[in-house]
Protein backbone atom coordinates (compact mmCIF):
# COMPACT_ATOMS: atom_id res chain seq x y z
CA UNK A 1 212.57 20.83 185.53
CA UNK A 2 211.29 22.79 182.55
CA UNK A 3 212.63 26.34 182.22
CA UNK A 4 210.28 29.31 181.80
CA UNK A 5 211.04 32.00 179.23
CA UNK A 6 210.04 35.60 179.79
CA UNK A 7 209.28 38.07 177.03
CA UNK A 8 208.78 41.78 177.77
CA UNK A 9 205.14 42.71 177.41
CA UNK A 10 204.02 39.11 176.86
CA UNK A 11 204.10 37.63 180.38
CA UNK A 12 205.06 33.99 180.94
CA UNK A 13 205.45 31.90 177.81
CA UNK A 14 205.23 28.15 177.37
CA UNK A 15 207.93 25.89 178.88
CA UNK A 16 210.99 25.30 176.71
CA UNK A 17 212.27 21.91 175.58
CA UNK A 18 214.71 20.81 172.90
CA UNK A 19 216.19 17.70 171.31
CA UNK A 20 218.87 17.14 168.66
CA UNK A 21 219.72 13.78 167.08
CA UNK A 22 221.84 12.33 164.31
CA UNK A 23 219.05 11.13 162.03
CA UNK A 24 221.21 8.38 160.53
CA UNK A 25 221.73 6.54 163.82
CA UNK A 26 219.19 8.08 166.19
CA UNK A 27 222.02 9.13 168.54
CA UNK A 28 221.10 12.00 170.85
CA UNK A 29 223.46 14.96 170.41
CA UNK A 30 221.69 17.42 172.73
CA UNK A 31 218.60 17.49 174.92
CA UNK A 32 216.92 19.82 177.39
CA UNK A 33 213.67 18.99 179.14
CA UNK A 34 213.23 16.42 176.37
CA UNK A 35 210.95 14.19 178.43
CA UNK A 36 208.73 16.94 179.82
CA UNK A 37 205.11 16.48 178.67
CA UNK A 38 204.05 19.64 176.84
CA UNK A 39 201.44 20.75 174.30
CA UNK A 40 202.60 19.67 170.83
CA UNK A 41 200.23 21.97 168.87
CA UNK A 42 200.32 21.20 165.13
CA UNK A 43 203.31 18.89 165.48
CA UNK A 44 200.39 16.50 166.08
CA UNK A 45 199.75 16.51 162.34
CA UNK A 46 202.97 14.53 161.84
CA UNK A 47 201.18 11.58 163.45
CA UNK A 48 197.99 12.29 161.49
CA UNK A 49 200.04 12.11 158.30
CA UNK A 50 202.04 9.07 159.45
CA UNK A 51 198.78 7.14 160.03
CA UNK A 52 197.46 8.35 156.66
CA UNK A 53 200.60 7.10 154.88
CA UNK A 54 200.24 3.78 156.71
CA UNK A 55 196.58 3.47 155.70
CA UNK A 56 197.50 4.09 152.05
CA UNK A 57 200.29 1.50 152.22
CA UNK A 58 197.86 -1.07 153.63
CA UNK A 59 195.21 -0.33 150.99
CA UNK A 60 192.66 1.05 153.46
CA UNK A 61 192.37 4.27 151.49
CA UNK A 62 193.98 5.78 148.39
CA UNK A 63 195.25 9.19 147.35
CA UNK A 64 192.32 9.42 144.92
CA UNK A 65 189.63 8.57 147.49
CA UNK A 66 187.07 11.39 147.61
CA UNK A 67 186.21 12.38 151.16
CA UNK A 68 182.97 14.06 152.19
CA UNK A 69 183.74 16.91 154.59
CA UNK A 70 181.76 16.69 157.84
CA UNK A 71 180.22 19.57 159.76
CA UNK A 72 182.81 19.03 162.49
CA UNK A 73 185.74 19.23 160.09
CA UNK A 74 184.38 22.33 158.36
CA UNK A 75 183.90 24.08 161.71
CA UNK A 76 187.52 23.69 162.89
CA UNK A 77 189.24 27.03 163.65
CA UNK A 78 192.18 28.34 161.59
CA UNK A 79 194.66 27.60 160.32
CA UNK A 80 192.38 25.95 157.77
CA UNK A 81 191.66 25.31 154.12
CA UNK A 82 188.10 26.65 154.55
CA UNK A 83 186.43 23.46 153.43
CA UNK A 84 182.62 23.43 153.30
CA UNK A 85 180.41 20.83 154.99
CA UNK A 86 179.28 18.29 152.39
CA UNK A 87 182.10 19.18 150.02
CA UNK A 88 184.05 16.30 148.52
CA UNK A 89 187.82 16.44 148.20
CA UNK A 90 190.52 13.90 147.38
CA UNK A 91 192.74 12.47 150.11
CA UNK A 92 195.87 13.76 148.33
CA UNK A 93 194.73 17.35 148.86
CA UNK A 94 193.90 16.76 152.53
CA UNK A 95 197.44 15.40 152.99
CA UNK A 96 199.00 18.39 151.22
CA UNK A 97 196.95 20.89 153.22
CA UNK A 98 197.81 19.16 156.51
CA UNK A 99 201.54 18.93 155.78
CA UNK A 100 202.13 22.30 154.14
CA UNK A 101 199.38 24.66 155.29
CA UNK A 102 198.86 22.88 158.66
CA UNK A 103 195.11 23.09 158.00
CA UNK A 104 193.00 21.91 160.94
CA UNK A 105 189.89 21.20 158.86
CA UNK A 106 191.91 19.05 156.46
CA UNK A 107 193.49 17.07 159.32
CA UNK A 108 190.10 16.35 160.90
CA UNK A 109 188.57 15.33 157.56
CA UNK A 110 191.55 13.03 156.94
CA UNK A 111 191.20 11.34 160.32
CA UNK A 112 187.44 10.86 159.89
CA UNK A 113 187.96 9.38 156.42
CA UNK A 114 190.38 6.77 157.75
CA UNK A 115 188.74 5.79 161.05
CA UNK A 116 185.13 6.99 160.77
CA UNK A 117 185.39 9.54 163.56
CA UNK A 118 188.06 11.75 165.08
CA UNK A 119 187.79 9.90 168.41
CA UNK A 120 188.45 6.55 166.71
CA UNK A 121 191.30 8.10 164.75
CA UNK A 122 192.85 9.45 167.97
CA UNK A 123 192.81 5.91 169.37
CA UNK A 124 194.67 4.71 166.30
CA UNK A 125 197.15 7.57 166.67
CA UNK A 126 197.86 6.48 170.25
CA UNK A 127 198.23 2.85 169.20
CA UNK A 128 200.72 3.88 166.53
CA UNK A 129 202.60 6.14 168.94
CA UNK A 130 203.01 3.22 171.34
CA UNK A 131 204.31 0.98 168.54
CA UNK A 132 206.85 3.68 167.58
CA UNK A 133 208.15 3.93 171.15
CA UNK A 134 206.59 7.33 171.87
CA UNK A 135 206.06 6.47 175.53
CA UNK A 136 204.96 9.87 176.87
CA UNK A 137 202.54 10.96 174.14
CA UNK A 138 198.75 11.00 174.25
CA UNK A 139 196.66 12.27 171.34
CA UNK A 140 193.06 13.45 171.67
CA UNK A 141 192.54 14.92 168.19
CA UNK A 142 193.98 14.95 164.67
CA UNK A 143 194.95 18.64 164.44
CA UNK A 144 196.76 19.50 167.69
CA UNK A 145 194.60 22.33 169.00
CA UNK A 146 194.87 22.50 172.79
CA UNK A 147 192.83 19.84 174.57
CA UNK A 148 193.12 18.43 178.08
CA UNK A 149 195.41 15.41 178.09
CA UNK A 150 196.70 16.02 174.54
CA UNK A 151 200.42 16.01 175.33
CA UNK A 152 203.80 14.96 173.98
CA UNK A 153 207.52 15.54 174.48
CA UNK A 154 210.45 16.84 172.47
CA UNK A 155 211.93 13.34 172.46
CA UNK A 156 208.76 11.69 171.17
CA UNK A 157 208.23 14.27 168.43
CA UNK A 158 211.86 13.93 167.33
CA UNK A 159 211.31 10.18 167.12
CA UNK A 160 208.19 10.73 165.01
CA UNK A 161 209.99 13.12 162.65
CA UNK A 162 212.70 10.51 162.07
CA UNK A 163 210.12 7.77 161.47
CA UNK A 164 208.31 9.83 158.81
CA UNK A 165 211.65 10.45 157.09
CA UNK A 166 212.68 6.80 156.92
CA UNK A 167 209.37 4.90 157.04
CA UNK A 168 207.70 6.94 154.27
CA UNK A 169 210.46 8.59 152.21
CA UNK A 170 208.22 8.84 149.12
CA UNK A 171 206.03 11.37 150.95
CA UNK A 172 208.77 13.29 152.74
CA UNK A 173 209.17 15.81 149.89
CA UNK A 174 205.82 17.29 150.93
CA UNK A 175 207.43 18.97 153.90
CA UNK A 176 209.99 20.85 151.80
CA UNK A 177 207.52 22.39 149.33
CA UNK A 178 207.34 26.18 149.61
CA UNK A 179 203.78 25.96 148.37
CA UNK A 180 201.40 23.40 146.92
CA UNK A 181 197.97 23.16 145.36
CA UNK A 182 195.48 21.72 147.84
CA UNK A 183 192.54 21.12 145.54
CA UNK A 184 190.69 24.34 146.27
CA UNK A 185 193.60 26.80 146.41
CA UNK A 186 197.34 27.22 146.45
CA UNK A 187 198.72 27.18 150.00
CA UNK A 188 202.08 28.35 151.39
CA UNK A 189 204.34 26.36 153.72
CA UNK A 190 204.25 27.49 157.36
CA UNK A 191 207.96 26.57 157.58
CA UNK A 192 209.08 28.45 154.46
CA UNK A 193 211.36 30.92 156.30
CA UNK A 194 213.60 28.21 157.77
CA UNK A 195 213.52 26.28 154.50
CA UNK A 196 214.68 29.42 152.66
CA UNK A 197 217.30 30.59 155.11
CA UNK A 198 218.98 27.47 156.49
CA UNK A 199 221.28 25.55 154.13
CA UNK A 200 220.19 21.94 153.76
CA UNK A 201 216.82 22.33 155.52
CA UNK A 202 214.11 20.16 153.94
CA UNK A 203 211.34 19.92 156.56
CA UNK A 204 209.48 19.08 158.60
CA UNK A 205 206.60 20.61 160.69
CA UNK A 206 205.71 23.74 162.65
CA UNK A 207 203.17 24.19 165.42
CA UNK A 208 201.70 27.03 167.45
CA UNK A 209 199.05 27.57 170.10
CA UNK A 210 199.06 29.94 173.06
CA UNK A 211 199.49 27.03 175.44
CA UNK A 212 202.30 25.47 173.43
CA UNK A 213 204.22 28.48 172.17
CA UNK A 214 206.05 28.19 168.86
CA UNK A 215 207.12 24.59 168.17
CA UNK A 216 209.13 23.09 165.34
CA UNK A 217 210.62 19.76 164.30
CA UNK A 218 213.23 20.49 161.62
CA UNK A 219 215.51 18.33 159.51
CA UNK A 220 218.53 19.33 157.44
CA UNK A 221 221.03 17.40 155.34
CA UNK A 222 224.56 18.38 154.41
CA UNK A 223 226.66 15.86 152.53
CA UNK A 224 226.42 12.51 154.32
CA UNK A 225 225.10 14.08 157.52
CA UNK A 226 221.47 14.60 158.49
CA UNK A 227 220.33 16.26 161.71
CA UNK A 228 216.87 16.52 163.27
CA UNK A 229 216.24 19.26 165.85
CA UNK A 230 213.09 19.91 167.86
CA UNK A 231 212.05 22.99 169.85
CA UNK A 232 209.02 23.40 172.10
CA UNK A 233 207.97 26.73 173.63
CA UNK A 234 209.53 29.30 171.33
CA UNK A 235 208.56 32.94 172.01
CA UNK A 236 207.91 33.75 168.35
CA UNK A 237 208.40 32.16 164.96
CA UNK A 238 211.57 34.22 164.44
CA UNK A 239 213.18 33.30 167.77
CA UNK A 240 212.09 29.69 167.34
CA UNK A 241 213.69 29.50 163.90
CA UNK A 242 216.87 31.09 165.23
CA UNK A 243 217.03 28.55 168.05
CA UNK A 244 216.42 25.64 165.68
CA UNK A 245 219.19 26.90 163.37
CA UNK A 246 221.50 27.08 166.37
CA UNK A 247 220.63 23.53 167.36
CA UNK A 248 221.08 22.22 163.82
CA UNK A 249 224.52 23.85 163.71
CA UNK A 250 225.35 22.15 167.01
CA UNK A 251 224.22 18.85 165.57
CA UNK A 252 226.38 19.16 162.46
CA UNK A 253 229.40 20.03 164.64
CA UNK A 254 228.92 17.01 166.90
CA UNK A 255 227.84 14.40 164.36
CA UNK A 256 230.55 12.28 162.72
CA UNK A 257 231.16 12.84 159.02
CA UNK A 258 230.43 9.21 158.29
CA UNK A 259 228.03 7.12 160.32
CA UNK A 260 226.11 3.94 159.48
CA UNK A 261 222.53 4.46 158.40
CA UNK A 262 220.31 2.48 160.78
CA UNK A 263 216.81 2.74 159.41
CA UNK A 264 214.07 1.71 161.82
CA UNK A 265 211.77 -1.12 160.84
CA UNK A 266 208.04 -0.54 160.38
CA UNK A 267 206.09 -0.72 163.65
CA UNK A 268 204.78 -4.08 164.81
CA UNK A 269 201.31 -4.11 166.35
CA UNK A 270 200.48 -6.68 169.01
CA UNK A 271 197.84 -9.15 167.85
CA UNK A 272 194.91 -9.85 170.17
CA UNK A 273 194.75 -13.48 171.23
CA UNK A 274 193.13 -15.53 173.97
CA UNK A 275 194.92 -18.12 176.03
CA UNK A 276 194.27 -21.78 175.21
CA UNK A 277 191.64 -23.63 177.22
CA UNK A 278 191.38 -27.28 178.21
CA UNK A 279 189.31 -28.26 175.15
CA UNK A 280 191.06 -26.14 172.56
CA UNK A 281 192.39 -22.71 171.69
CA UNK A 282 190.55 -19.53 170.70
CA UNK A 283 192.30 -17.61 167.94
CA UNK A 284 191.32 -14.08 166.87
CA UNK A 285 191.46 -13.89 163.08
CA UNK A 286 190.86 -10.79 160.95
CA UNK A 287 188.23 -11.93 158.48
CA UNK A 288 185.47 -10.49 156.33
CA UNK A 289 182.38 -11.47 158.27
CA UNK A 290 179.68 -9.26 159.76
CA UNK A 291 178.89 -11.46 162.75
CA UNK A 292 181.09 -13.27 165.22
CA UNK A 293 180.41 -16.98 164.85
CA UNK A 294 181.32 -19.19 167.76
CA UNK A 295 180.28 -22.87 167.56
CA UNK A 296 177.97 -23.69 170.46
CA UNK A 297 179.71 -26.01 172.86
CA UNK A 298 177.60 -28.89 174.08
CA UNK A 299 178.11 -31.09 177.12
CA UNK A 300 180.37 -33.96 176.06
CA UNK A 301 182.07 -36.94 177.64
CA UNK A 302 185.86 -37.11 177.69
CA UNK A 303 185.87 -38.10 174.01
CA UNK A 304 183.51 -35.94 171.89
CA UNK A 305 180.67 -37.65 170.07
CA UNK A 306 180.53 -37.91 166.30
CA UNK A 307 177.39 -35.74 166.25
CA UNK A 308 179.23 -32.92 168.06
CA UNK A 309 182.18 -33.10 165.68
CA UNK A 310 179.88 -32.89 162.68
CA UNK A 311 178.07 -29.92 164.22
CA UNK A 312 181.35 -28.08 164.80
CA UNK A 313 182.41 -28.70 161.21
CA UNK A 314 179.05 -27.39 159.96
CA UNK A 315 179.36 -24.23 162.09
CA UNK A 316 182.85 -23.45 160.75
CA UNK A 317 181.74 -24.08 157.17
CA UNK A 318 178.75 -21.75 157.67
CA UNK A 319 181.08 -19.01 158.93
CA UNK A 320 183.19 -19.36 155.81
CA UNK A 321 180.12 -19.12 153.55
CA UNK A 322 178.88 -16.00 155.36
CA UNK A 323 182.33 -14.43 155.03
CA UNK A 324 182.28 -15.00 151.28
CA UNK A 325 179.07 -12.96 151.01
CA UNK A 326 180.61 -9.81 152.58
CA UNK A 327 184.12 -9.33 151.14
CA UNK A 328 184.31 -5.64 152.06
CA UNK A 329 183.53 -5.97 155.78
CA UNK A 330 186.43 -6.17 158.21
CA UNK A 331 185.75 -7.33 161.74
CA UNK A 332 187.25 -9.77 164.17
CA UNK A 333 185.62 -13.19 164.24
CA UNK A 334 186.16 -15.78 166.94
CA UNK A 335 186.85 -19.20 165.47
CA UNK A 336 186.98 -22.05 167.94
CA UNK A 337 188.99 -25.13 167.02
CA UNK A 338 189.02 -28.39 168.94
CA UNK A 339 191.81 -30.88 169.53
CA UNK A 340 192.73 -32.90 166.42
CA UNK A 341 190.21 -35.60 165.62
CA UNK A 342 189.32 -37.63 162.55
CA UNK A 343 185.77 -38.18 161.35
CA UNK A 344 184.86 -41.59 159.98
CA UNK A 345 183.52 -41.47 156.41
CA UNK A 346 180.29 -43.15 157.51
CA UNK A 347 178.46 -43.46 160.82
CA UNK A 348 179.14 -46.57 162.87
CA UNK A 349 176.23 -49.05 162.88
CA UNK A 350 176.71 -49.40 166.63
CA UNK A 351 175.28 -46.28 168.25
CA UNK A 352 177.59 -46.33 171.30
CA UNK A 353 180.87 -46.90 169.47
CA UNK A 354 183.02 -43.75 169.34
CA UNK A 355 184.77 -42.59 166.14
CA UNK A 356 188.19 -44.12 165.61
CA UNK A 357 191.30 -42.88 163.84
CA UNK A 358 191.66 -44.75 160.57
CA UNK A 359 194.46 -42.65 159.02
CA UNK A 360 196.60 -39.74 160.24
CA UNK A 361 194.54 -37.20 158.28
CA UNK A 362 191.72 -34.76 158.99
CA UNK A 363 188.89 -34.67 156.47
CA UNK A 364 186.80 -31.50 156.57
CA UNK A 365 185.12 -31.54 153.15
CA UNK A 366 184.86 -34.19 150.44
CA UNK A 367 185.09 -33.46 146.73
CA UNK A 368 183.27 -35.72 144.26
CA UNK A 369 184.37 -34.02 141.06
CA UNK A 370 186.29 -36.56 138.99
CA UNK A 371 188.82 -34.09 137.53
CA UNK A 372 189.83 -32.66 140.90
CA UNK A 373 193.02 -34.62 141.47
CA UNK A 374 195.27 -31.66 142.22
CA UNK A 375 195.99 -29.77 145.40
CA UNK A 376 198.35 -27.38 147.18
CA UNK A 377 200.62 -27.58 150.23
CA UNK A 378 200.91 -24.59 152.58
CA UNK A 379 203.68 -25.86 154.80
CA UNK A 380 204.88 -28.51 157.23
CA UNK A 381 204.28 -28.04 160.96
CA UNK A 382 205.38 -29.62 164.20
CA UNK A 383 201.90 -30.58 165.37
CA UNK A 384 198.62 -31.62 163.81
CA UNK A 385 196.85 -28.83 165.66
CA UNK A 386 199.13 -26.16 164.17
CA UNK A 387 198.63 -27.56 160.65
CA UNK A 388 194.83 -27.49 161.10
CA UNK A 389 195.02 -23.94 162.38
CA UNK A 390 197.01 -22.81 159.33
CA UNK A 391 194.58 -24.55 156.98
CA UNK A 392 191.59 -22.79 158.49
CA UNK A 393 193.25 -19.36 158.48
CA UNK A 394 194.45 -19.85 154.90
CA UNK A 395 190.95 -20.89 153.81
CA UNK A 396 189.47 -17.74 155.34
CA UNK A 397 192.16 -15.67 153.63
CA UNK A 398 191.68 -17.12 150.13
CA UNK A 399 188.09 -18.35 149.93
CA UNK A 400 187.65 -17.49 146.23
CA UNK A 401 189.93 -20.30 145.08
CA UNK A 402 189.93 -22.66 148.08
CA UNK A 403 186.17 -22.88 148.64
CA UNK A 404 185.09 -26.42 147.72
CA UNK A 405 188.51 -27.94 148.35
CA UNK A 406 189.33 -30.53 150.99
CA UNK A 407 191.49 -29.52 153.96
CA UNK A 408 193.76 -32.39 154.90
CA UNK A 409 196.59 -32.88 157.39
CA UNK A 410 199.02 -35.66 156.45
CA UNK A 411 201.45 -37.05 159.01
CA UNK A 412 205.03 -37.41 157.80
CA UNK A 413 208.23 -38.54 159.50
CA UNK A 414 209.36 -34.98 160.17
CA UNK A 415 206.04 -33.25 160.79
CA UNK A 416 202.50 -32.67 159.55
CA UNK A 417 201.76 -31.44 156.00
CA UNK A 418 198.95 -28.90 155.63
CA UNK A 419 197.26 -29.61 152.28
CA UNK A 420 194.23 -28.53 150.28
CA UNK A 421 193.10 -31.36 147.96
CA UNK A 422 190.31 -32.02 145.48
CA UNK A 423 191.22 -29.09 143.17
CA UNK A 424 191.66 -28.75 139.44
CA UNK A 425 195.13 -28.07 138.08
CA UNK A 426 194.25 -24.50 137.09
CA UNK A 427 192.58 -23.71 140.41
CA UNK A 428 195.54 -25.07 142.37
CA UNK A 429 197.98 -22.97 140.35
CA UNK A 430 195.83 -19.86 140.75
CA UNK A 431 195.50 -20.39 144.50
CA UNK A 432 199.26 -20.68 144.90
CA UNK A 433 199.86 -17.50 142.91
CA UNK A 434 197.39 -15.57 145.04
CA UNK A 435 198.76 -16.92 148.31
CA UNK A 436 202.37 -16.26 147.33
CA UNK A 437 201.39 -12.67 146.54
CA UNK A 438 200.39 -12.45 150.22
CA UNK A 439 203.76 -13.93 151.31
CA UNK A 440 202.19 -17.32 152.12
CA UNK A 441 204.36 -20.34 151.25
CA UNK A 442 202.61 -22.58 148.72
CA UNK A 443 203.41 -25.54 146.44
CA UNK A 444 201.18 -27.24 143.85
CA UNK A 445 200.55 -30.96 144.40
CA UNK A 446 199.93 -33.12 141.32
CA UNK A 447 197.83 -36.30 141.09
CA UNK A 448 199.30 -39.18 143.04
């Protein structure tokens, strides 16, 4: 049960909670009400910043991106940078203002720049929280001002503080700056008193609202030891800082002098996929198309007709061509693949004879250019279906160099080779370089 603190003349304050861990290992050294859901206040901005760092790492946005401030962001209450609606400001300054000044207008503008709206950004915050193991946290906004359902715990915020430290160490120095320039003015750190007075303190984030009390996630390093301490529900900034200092001291006393550093790995997000059906498997692929193309299924006998197979091939090729026209769009497209089949090079003169398998290969496009005797291999797979799947996904990923090539699955003794053929030597080499830069295995195939 959460304890209630009383302060003369102030009435009942927010519930108290605390957590102390050895940052190197994640071991819990002290906890009190650590799983009680409470108002996080501006500790929320740690997640706003974590998502921003992630978006920069993934290339979704850059530090130099200029953001147009919305009416909503400009209207946020203090603490704020006093941005004006319609004003443009670089992402780097929004990050500085959110981390150091704890500016609500900067946090909202940052979330809108990344996700288009604060509501969409909050959904991404919650998705990230789940991936980080923050099981009792729900975000409703980017700044942390009190809102129904916007809750977290001392344990979850301690986890988040550790993840910022180890997942994005290049940005961690932001939280130890006594002041910084935020594009429009110099701003002071809301945590400067603890940073000045506690030996080894180098971050991380304060928070305050009436509902939350005075909150703080703090980190300090002495020698080989690093401790993270979290307090929810402090009565004032002074008493909160004193309690955090006490908890950090406790952590340094209990932590071993030498402990293995166990850095967490970056969060893994669950991909959306549909279960396979009788006639094939639906795979959700992140592509660059504006519309979701799904080949129209037609009534077929047990073995599909040649006309249907040709129609399916045409539909997939059309989706690829449409994707090439809109390289900046990013939506999910449904691509339906059928069971492995081989198309005959010409139509059978007998109208009722079904296509037959002449060779263990799948021909999806034919090249007639005489100098295209080169190709690339993107792996060997245990089934023909898997090889076809990889070929299609790779084609969608690298259309600039693979468009016009021939996708071909070749059966070998120990599996099925996934190849792109009908390429020039230079194009094959370029395609491999580009795919390898995306961590896709690739080998150039010469004329044979």
